[in-house]
Structures are given as C-alpha cells and as structure tokens.
Protein backbone atom coordinates (compact mmCIF):
# COMPACT_ATOMS: atom_id res chain seq x y z
CA MET A 1 23.69 0.28 8.04
CA GLU A 2 21.93 -3.11 7.01
CA ILE A 3 18.51 -3.48 6.15
CA LYS A 4 17.82 -6.13 8.87
CA GLU A 5 19.07 -3.65 11.57
CA ILE A 6 17.12 -0.49 10.01
CA LEU A 7 13.76 -2.57 9.75
CA ASN A 8 14.25 -3.69 13.47
CA GLU A 9 14.91 -0.07 14.67
CA GLN A 10 11.88 0.79 12.63
CA ARG A 11 9.61 -1.74 14.48
CA ILE A 12 11.07 -0.93 18.00
CA TYR A 13 10.54 3.06 17.13
CA ALA A 14 6.64 2.00 16.17
CA VAL A 15 5.64 0.23 19.12
CA ILE A 16 7.12 3.14 21.50
CA ASN A 17 5.62 5.95 19.27
CA LYS A 18 2.68 3.91 18.39
CA VAL A 19 2.87 4.13 14.89
CA PRO A 20 1.09 1.45 12.88
CA ILE A 21 3.32 -0.77 10.50
CA LEU A 22 2.57 -3.98 9.08
CA ARG A 23 1.84 -6.54 11.47
CA GLU A 24 4.67 -9.32 11.56
CA SER A 25 1.73 -12.07 10.87
CA GLU A 26 1.51 -10.04 7.29
CA VAL A 27 5.47 -9.19 6.62
CA HIS A 28 5.94 -12.46 4.93
CA LEU A 29 3.23 -12.56 2.75
CA PHE A 30 3.85 -9.05 2.09
CA GLU A 31 7.53 -10.12 0.98
CA GLU A 32 6.12 -13.08 -1.05
CA LEU A 33 3.81 -11.04 -3.18
CA ILE A 34 6.61 -8.21 -3.88
CA ASP A 35 9.02 -11.24 -5.07
CA LEU A 36 6.39 -12.79 -7.25
CA TYR A 37 5.59 -9.84 -9.05
CA GLN A 38 8.92 -8.12 -9.17
CA PRO A 39 7.49 -4.60 -9.82
CA HIS A 40 9.62 -1.68 -11.64
CA ARG A 41 7.63 0.84 -10.27
CA ILE A 42 5.73 0.84 -7.15
CA LEU A 43 3.59 3.54 -5.56
CA GLU A 44 2.70 3.49 -1.90
CA VAL A 45 0.26 5.84 -0.55
CA GLY A 46 0.97 6.01 3.55
CA THR A 47 4.57 5.76 4.08
CA ALA A 48 4.37 6.06 7.72
CA ILE A 49 8.00 5.75 9.11
CA GLY A 50 8.71 3.93 5.77
CA TYR A 51 8.72 0.46 6.96
CA SER A 52 6.87 -0.74 4.40
CA THR A 53 8.87 1.49 1.69
CA LEU A 54 11.81 -0.60 2.63
CA LEU A 55 10.41 -3.92 2.10
CA LEU A 56 8.74 -2.87 -1.11
CA ALA A 57 12.24 -1.74 -2.69
CA GLN A 58 13.98 -4.70 -1.16
CA HIS A 59 11.82 -7.10 -2.84
CA ALA A 60 11.25 -5.25 -5.98
CA ALA A 61 13.04 -5.95 -9.42
CA LYS A 62 16.99 -4.84 -9.40
CA ASP A 63 15.95 -1.57 -11.04
CA GLY A 64 12.73 -1.29 -8.88
CA GLU A 65 11.53 2.61 -8.04
CA VAL A 66 9.31 3.07 -4.92
CA VAL A 67 7.47 6.66 -4.91
CA SER A 68 5.38 7.16 -1.44
CA ILE A 69 3.42 9.63 -0.02
CA GLU A 70 2.68 10.68 3.70
CA LEU A 71 0.79 13.41 5.10
CA ASP A 72 2.28 13.54 8.65
CA GLU A 73 5.39 15.63 8.78
CA VAL A 74 7.07 13.63 11.79
CA ARG A 75 6.72 10.19 10.15
CA HIS A 76 7.75 11.81 6.76
CA GLU A 77 10.99 12.81 8.18
CA MET A 78 11.38 9.84 10.24
CA ALA A 79 10.79 7.73 6.81
CA ARG A 80 13.26 10.04 5.42
CA TYR A 81 15.87 9.52 8.15
CA TYR A 82 15.50 5.74 7.83
CA VAL A 83 15.60 5.56 4.10
CA GLY A 84 18.62 7.56 4.09
CA LYS A 85 20.56 4.89 6.09
CA SER A 86 19.82 2.38 3.52
CA VAL A 87 21.27 1.33 0.37
CA TYR A 88 17.80 1.76 -1.33
CA GLN A 89 17.93 5.62 -0.55
CA ASP A 90 18.35 6.38 -4.74
CA ASN A 91 15.37 4.14 -5.48
CA ILE A 92 12.85 5.87 -3.17
CA THR A 93 11.12 8.84 -3.75
CA LEU A 94 9.59 10.19 -0.53
CA LEU A 95 6.71 13.03 -1.13
CA LYS A 96 4.95 14.80 1.64
CA GLY A 97 1.56 15.76 1.23
CA ASP A 98 -1.97 14.76 1.07
CA ALA A 99 -2.62 11.92 -1.24
CA ASN A 100 -5.88 12.82 -2.64
CA GLU A 101 -4.23 15.90 -4.14
CA VAL A 102 -0.66 14.67 -4.56
CA LEU A 103 -1.46 11.74 -6.63
CA TYR A 104 -2.92 13.79 -9.42
CA GLN A 105 0.64 14.72 -9.93
CA VAL A 106 2.75 11.77 -9.79
CA GLU A 107 3.33 10.29 -13.16
CA GLY A 108 2.72 6.55 -14.09
CA PRO A 109 2.75 3.99 -15.27
CA PHE A 110 3.11 1.92 -12.01
CA ASP A 111 3.07 -1.77 -11.81
CA MET A 112 2.11 -2.26 -8.32
CA VAL A 113 0.22 0.17 -5.77
CA PHE A 114 0.42 -0.29 -1.93
CA LEU A 115 -2.68 1.54 -0.17
CA ASP A 116 -2.19 2.12 3.34
CA GLY A 117 -3.45 5.36 4.20
CA PRO A 118 -6.35 6.58 5.61
CA LYS A 119 -8.97 3.57 5.24
CA GLY A 120 -11.70 5.88 4.17
CA GLN A 121 -10.01 6.72 0.87
CA TYR A 122 -9.02 3.68 -0.75
CA LEU A 123 -11.58 4.01 -3.44
CA ARG A 124 -11.16 7.47 -4.06
CA GLN A 125 -7.49 7.31 -4.37
CA LEU A 126 -7.75 3.91 -6.15
CA GLU A 127 -9.78 5.76 -8.89
CA ILE A 128 -6.94 8.81 -9.24
CA ILE A 129 -4.41 5.97 -9.77
CA LEU A 130 -6.32 3.77 -12.57
CA PRO A 131 -5.08 5.64 -15.20
CA LYS A 132 -1.31 5.54 -13.90
CA LEU A 133 -1.68 1.84 -14.00
CA ALA A 134 0.24 -0.55 -16.06
CA PRO A 135 -1.36 -3.44 -17.84
CA GLN A 136 -1.58 -6.09 -15.07
CA ALA A 137 -0.47 -3.96 -12.24
CA VAL A 138 -1.12 -5.44 -8.50
CA VAL A 139 -3.27 -3.13 -6.23
CA LEU A 140 -2.31 -4.16 -2.43
CA ALA A 141 -4.63 -2.87 0.42
CA ASP A 142 -3.86 -3.06 3.94
CA ASN A 143 -6.14 -3.69 6.97
CA ILE A 144 -8.96 -4.33 4.52
CA LEU A 145 -11.04 -6.44 6.85
CA PHE A 146 -10.92 -3.71 9.38
CA ARG A 147 -10.82 -5.38 12.70
CA GLY A 148 -13.08 -7.94 11.45
CA TYR A 149 -16.08 -5.41 10.72
CA VAL A 150 -15.99 -5.34 6.95
CA ARG A 151 -16.66 -9.03 6.01
CA GLY A 152 -17.61 -10.54 9.87
CA GLU A 153 -20.93 -10.82 11.72
CA LYS A 154 -19.72 -8.35 14.30
CA ALA A 155 -21.78 -4.91 13.86
CA ALA A 156 -19.04 -1.96 13.42
CA PRO A 157 -19.35 0.77 16.53
CA HIS A 158 -21.04 3.61 15.39
CA ARG A 159 -17.54 5.69 15.23
CA TYR A 160 -16.35 2.96 12.62
CA LYS A 161 -19.50 2.61 10.53
CA THR A 162 -18.15 5.37 7.82
CA ILE A 163 -14.73 3.71 7.29
CA VAL A 164 -16.41 0.23 7.16
CA LYS A 165 -18.84 1.27 4.73
CA ARG A 166 -15.85 2.67 2.76
CA LEU A 167 -13.91 -0.48 2.75
CA ARG A 168 -16.86 -2.57 1.82
CA ASP A 169 -17.47 -0.02 -1.18
CA TYR A 170 -13.76 -0.38 -2.08
CA LEU A 171 -14.04 -4.56 -1.88
CA ASP A 172 -17.16 -4.33 -4.36
CA TYR A 173 -15.33 -2.00 -6.89
CA VAL A 174 -12.33 -4.14 -6.88
CA GLU A 175 -13.98 -7.42 -7.04
CA ASN A 176 -15.65 -6.48 -10.29
CA LYS A 177 -14.05 -9.29 -12.43
CA GLU A 178 -14.21 -7.00 -15.59
CA LEU A 179 -11.71 -4.62 -13.82
CA PHE A 180 -9.90 -7.01 -11.51
CA ASN A 181 -8.95 -10.36 -10.25
CA THR A 182 -9.27 -9.87 -6.48
CA THR A 183 -7.91 -12.21 -3.48
CA ILE A 184 -8.32 -11.38 -0.03
CA TYR A 185 -5.96 -12.91 2.58
CA PRO A 186 -7.40 -12.58 6.29
CA LEU A 187 -3.85 -12.74 7.77
CA GLY A 188 -3.38 -9.64 10.51
CA ASP A 189 -6.22 -7.32 9.33
CA GLY A 190 -6.69 -8.32 5.99
CA MET A 191 -5.16 -7.44 2.73
CA SER A 192 -6.27 -7.62 -0.59
CA VAL A 193 -4.38 -8.15 -3.80
CA SER A 194 -6.00 -7.19 -6.88
CA ILE A 195 -5.04 -7.46 -10.70
CA TRP A 196 -5.82 -4.74 -12.90
CA LYS A 197 -7.08 -6.05 -16.22
CA GLY A 198 -9.03 -2.83 -17.32
CA TYR A 199 -6.48 -2.32 -20.52
CA SER A 200 -6.23 -5.89 -21.27
CA ASN A 201 -10.23 -5.93 -21.77
CA GLU A 202 -10.04 -2.36 -23.77
CA GLN A 203 -7.09 -4.11 -26.10
CA THR A 204 -9.27 -7.37 -26.78
CA ASP A 205 -12.87 -5.12 -27.72
C-alpha cells in the first residue's frame, strides 16, 4: 500500500476516534526537519497509531531505523496494523509499555528523538534518554507551548497547571546553552528543536 494512502487512512481514523496526531500545520515542518538532519536511528516516545512514526521512517536516512514506544494497547495494535502495510515495516520497531520503564531498556545511540507522549513526562524521559544520545543528536518535542499557556499570557486552568509547569521546566532545561541549542517553532501547539551538545563540551574540556 502506498505511504500516502496509509497516511490518509490514519488521518481519517484519528479524526473519527479522537486520536491526537500531528496537526496538518506541523507536518511540513516535521518533514523538513527530518529531511534536514537525515537521522539514522530515531527514538519516538508516543507512537499513537504510527502516523508520525511512518513520517519519521519516510524522511530519515535510507538506512534509517525507528524505535517507537506506546503505552495504550489499542493504539499500539493500530500502529502495528498501519506499519505492517507499509514498505517501512522492517525499519520500525514498535514497543508497548510505559516509556518511563521501557526507555531504560532500549539501546542507543540515537541521533534523533521525538517526544510526543505525556507532556508532563518530557523532562523525566529526556533525562533517561541523555546517555543514549549521539553527539549532535536532535530532540524534538511536540505540543511544547500547550494551548498558549506555557509561554503565553493566559493563565492555565487548574487542571493544566502541573502539565504547564513541567513543560516550562522542560524548556528551561533544553534552553541551557551548555547542553543544547534550542529553537521553538510556534506552529500548531508548538514544537521545540534542541541540538544536544553535551558530548562536544566534554570532548573539548
């Protein structure tokens, strides 16, 4: 099945079943970033139904490999279904489980990471992933501005205060110039792009 057909089918499924996937306004940026960096090994947290997973595989280097983690069983099975219909099935490994546990088991190095699971867990997960990053690895984080509450003037409703605080903590971390060079793109719900330079610093000390 052609990748365009699979992606279209996924978009329809996502709308009908209220599954969050990349917004159309974000897809072009997402594809451009992957094309630009041409990663060989990619780690994704939050497979959902495999929409972004297939985009990662499609735009990665020719020998690109994607490892993706999903907690929800139904979404994991749907991702397996869609990935299984694609030409990228041999390039994608789908893992089911809590990323906060599974991340300790996956083996690096990874030269790209896409964080798109629970927003309040981004920093905790990044700290687990750091030892598995290749030098100059790229870390993408979706929904980083979270409805305008993270960097906007709007006060977050009580039910979102913890998520918003944790996303702010994440941004404070990746905007530490000793560790990362970070750019925030405001498209959709916001996406941050952070270039890891920790190992480069260590090598020059």
